[in-house]
PDB file of N, CA and C in Angstrom:
ATOM      1  N   UNK A   1      22.029  -6.412  -0.139  1.00  0.00           N
ATOM      2  CA  UNK A   1      21.095  -5.308   0.134  1.00  0.00           C
ATOM      3  C   UNK A   1      21.139  -4.966   1.629  1.00  0.00           C
ATOM      4  N   UNK A   2      21.093  -3.693   1.904  1.00  0.00           N
ATOM      5  CA  UNK A   2      21.190  -3.245   3.293  1.00  0.00           C
ATOM      6  C   UNK A   2      19.835  -3.291   3.973  1.00  0.00           C
ATOM      7  N   UNK A   3      19.853  -3.208   5.296  1.00  0.00           N
ATOM      8  CA  UNK A   3      18.604  -3.216   6.059  1.00  0.00           C
ATOM      9  C   UNK A   3      17.770  -1.984   5.727  1.00  0.00           C
ATOM     10  N   UNK A   4      18.441  -0.833   5.538  1.00  0.00           N
ATOM     11  CA  UNK A   4      17.705   0.392   5.205  1.00  0.00           C
ATOM     12  C   UNK A   4      16.979   0.232   3.875  1.00  0.00           C
ATOM     13  N   UNK A   5      17.612  -0.435   2.923  1.00  0.00           N
ATOM     14  CA  UNK A   5      16.974  -0.644   1.628  1.00  0.00           C
ATOM     15  C   UNK A   5      15.749  -1.528   1.749  1.00  0.00           C
ATOM     16  N   UNK A   6      15.873  -2.592   2.552  1.00  0.00           N
ATOM     17  CA  UNK A   6      14.738  -3.500   2.743  1.00  0.00           C
ATOM     18  C   UNK A   6      13.587  -2.770   3.419  1.00  0.00           C
ATOM     19  N   UNK A   7      13.896  -1.974   4.447  1.00  0.00           N
ATOM     20  CA  UNK A   7      12.851  -1.239   5.170  1.00  0.00           C
ATOM     21  C   UNK A   7      12.148  -0.258   4.234  1.00  0.00           C
ATOM     22  N   UNK A   8      12.925   0.439   3.405  1.00  0.00           N
ATOM     23  CA  UNK A   8      12.313   1.416   2.503  1.00  0.00           C
ATOM     24  C   UNK A   8      11.408   0.721   1.491  1.00  0.00           C
ATOM     25  N   UNK A   9      11.832  -0.445   0.993  1.00  0.00           N
ATOM     26  CA  UNK A   9      11.006  -1.177   0.037  1.00  0.00           C
ATOM     27  C   UNK A   9       9.712  -1.638   0.697  1.00  0.00           C
ATOM     28  N   UNK A  10       9.814  -2.132   1.936  1.00  0.00           N
ATOM     29  CA  UNK A  10       8.622  -2.584   2.660  1.00  0.00           C
ATOM     30  C   UNK A  10       7.655  -1.424   2.867  1.00  0.00           C
ATOM     31  N   UNK A  11       8.189  -0.258   3.231  1.00  0.00           N
ATOM     32  CA  UNK A  11       7.327   0.905   3.453  1.00  0.00           C
ATOM     33  C   UNK A  11       6.632   1.323   2.161  1.00  0.00           C
ATOM     34  N   UNK A  12       7.358   1.270   1.051  1.00  0.00           N
ATOM     35  CA  UNK A  12       6.762   1.640  -0.234  1.00  0.00           C
ATOM     36  C   UNK A  12       5.653   0.662  -0.607  1.00  0.00           C
ATOM     37  N   UNK A  13       5.887  -0.633  -0.368  1.00  0.00           N
ATOM     38  CA  UNK A  13       4.868  -1.636  -0.694  1.00  0.00           C
ATOM     39  C   UNK A  13       3.626  -1.428   0.164  1.00  0.00           C
ATOM     40  N   UNK A  14       3.822  -1.172   1.463  1.00  0.00           N
ATOM     41  CA  UNK A  14       2.681  -0.943   2.357  1.00  0.00           C
ATOM     42  C   UNK A  14       1.913   0.302   1.923  1.00  0.00           C
ATOM     43  N   UNK A  15       2.635   1.361   1.571  1.00  0.00           N
ATOM     44  CA  UNK A  15       1.980   2.593   1.137  1.00  0.00           C
ATOM     45  C   UNK A  15       1.190   2.355  -0.148  1.00  0.00           C
ATOM     46  N   UNK A  16       1.751   1.584  -1.069  1.00  0.00           N
ATOM     47  CA  UNK A  16       1.068   1.309  -2.332  1.00  0.00           C
ATOM     48  C   UNK A  16      -0.194   0.483  -2.091  1.00  0.00           C
ATOM     49  N   UNK A  17      -0.096  -0.538  -1.242  1.00  0.00           N
ATOM     50  CA  UNK A  17      -1.268  -1.369  -0.951  1.00  0.00           C
ATOM     51  C   UNK A  17      -2.357  -0.550  -0.275  1.00  0.00           C
ATOM     52  N   UNK A  18      -1.966   0.348   0.641  1.00  0.00           N
ATOM     53  CA  UNK A  18      -2.943   1.190   1.324  1.00  0.00           C
ATOM     54  C   UNK A  18      -3.628   2.127   0.336  1.00  0.00           C
ATOM     55  N   UNK A  19      -2.834   2.710  -0.582  1.00  0.00           N
ATOM     56  CA  UNK A  19      -3.399   3.623  -1.568  1.00  0.00           C
ATOM     57  C   UNK A  19      -4.377   2.886  -2.482  1.00  0.00           C
ATOM     58  N   UNK A  20      -4.010   1.672  -2.911  1.00  0.00           N
ATOM     59  CA  UNK A  20      -4.891   0.894  -3.783  1.00  0.00           C
ATOM     60  C   UNK A  20      -6.175   0.526  -3.047  1.00  0.00           C
ATOM     61  N   UNK A  21      -6.033   0.131  -1.775  1.00  0.00           N
ATOM     62  CA  UNK A  21      -7.212  -0.250  -0.982  1.00  0.00           C
ATOM     63  C   UNK A  21      -8.167   0.928  -0.842  1.00  0.00           C
ATOM     64  N   UNK A  22      -7.624   2.112  -0.528  1.00  0.00           N
ATOM     65  CA  UNK A  22      -8.472   3.290  -0.379  1.00  0.00           C
ATOM     66  C   UNK A  22      -9.116   3.667  -1.711  1.00  0.00           C
ATOM     67  N   UNK A  23      -8.359   3.520  -2.806  1.00  0.00           N
ATOM     68  CA  UNK A  23      -8.883   3.855  -4.126  1.00  0.00           C
ATOM     69  C   UNK A  23     -10.048   2.939  -4.481  1.00  0.00           C
ATOM     70  N   UNK A  24      -9.890   1.633  -4.230  1.00  0.00           N
ATOM     71  CA  UNK A  24     -10.965   0.679  -4.517  1.00  0.00           C
ATOM     72  C   UNK A  24     -12.161   0.949  -3.612  1.00  0.00           C
ATOM     73  N   UNK A  25     -11.905   1.298  -2.348  1.00  0.00           N
ATOM     74  CA  UNK A  25     -12.999   1.581  -1.419  1.00  0.00           C
ATOM     75  C   UNK A  25     -13.794   2.802  -1.886  1.00  0.00           C
ATOM     76  N   UNK A  26     -13.105   3.785  -2.458  1.00  0.00           N
ATOM     77  CA  UNK A  26     -13.807   4.964  -2.966  1.00  0.00           C
ATOM     78  C   UNK A  26     -14.612   4.621  -4.214  1.00  0.00           C
ATOM     79  N   UNK A  27     -14.043   3.778  -5.087  1.00  0.00           N
ATOM     80  CA  UNK A  27     -14.723   3.441  -6.329  1.00  0.00           C
ATOM     81  C   UNK A  27     -15.878   2.478  -6.094  1.00  0.00           C
ATOM     82  N   UNK A  28     -15.716   1.551  -5.144  1.00  0.00           N
ATOM     83  CA  UNK A  28     -16.702   0.479  -4.959  1.00  0.00           C
ATOM     84  C   UNK A  28     -17.056   0.332  -3.481  1.00  0.00           C
ATOM     85  N   UNK A  29     -17.736   1.315  -2.906  1.00  0.00           N
ATOM     86  CA  UNK A  29     -18.027   1.281  -1.465  1.00  0.00           C
ATOM     87  C   UNK A  29     -18.965   0.147  -1.067  1.00  0.00           C
ATOM     88  N   UNK A  30     -19.755  -0.384  -2.013  1.00  0.00           N
ATOM     89  CA  UNK A  30     -20.683  -1.452  -1.650  1.00  0.00           C
ATOM     90  C   UNK A  30     -19.945  -2.720  -1.232  1.00  0.00           C
ATOM     91  N   UNK A  31     -18.700  -2.861  -1.687  1.00  0.00           N
ATOM     92  CA  UNK A  31     -17.944  -4.076  -1.403  1.00  0.00           C
ATOM     93  C   UNK A  31     -17.465  -4.112   0.045  1.00  0.00           C
ATOM     94  N   UNK A  32     -17.435  -2.957   0.701  1.00  0.00           N
ATOM     95  CA  UNK A  32     -16.868  -2.893   2.054  1.00  0.00           C
ATOM     96  C   UNK A  32     -17.953  -2.611   3.091  1.00  0.00           C
TER      97      UNK A  32
END
């Protein structure tokens, strides 16, 4: 696997985690 592939996968994972975090924060604001 190339470095570009690894970087793109890392960026996708970070974006997904951020989206999930924001989604949960919107659904359950009392938790934060």
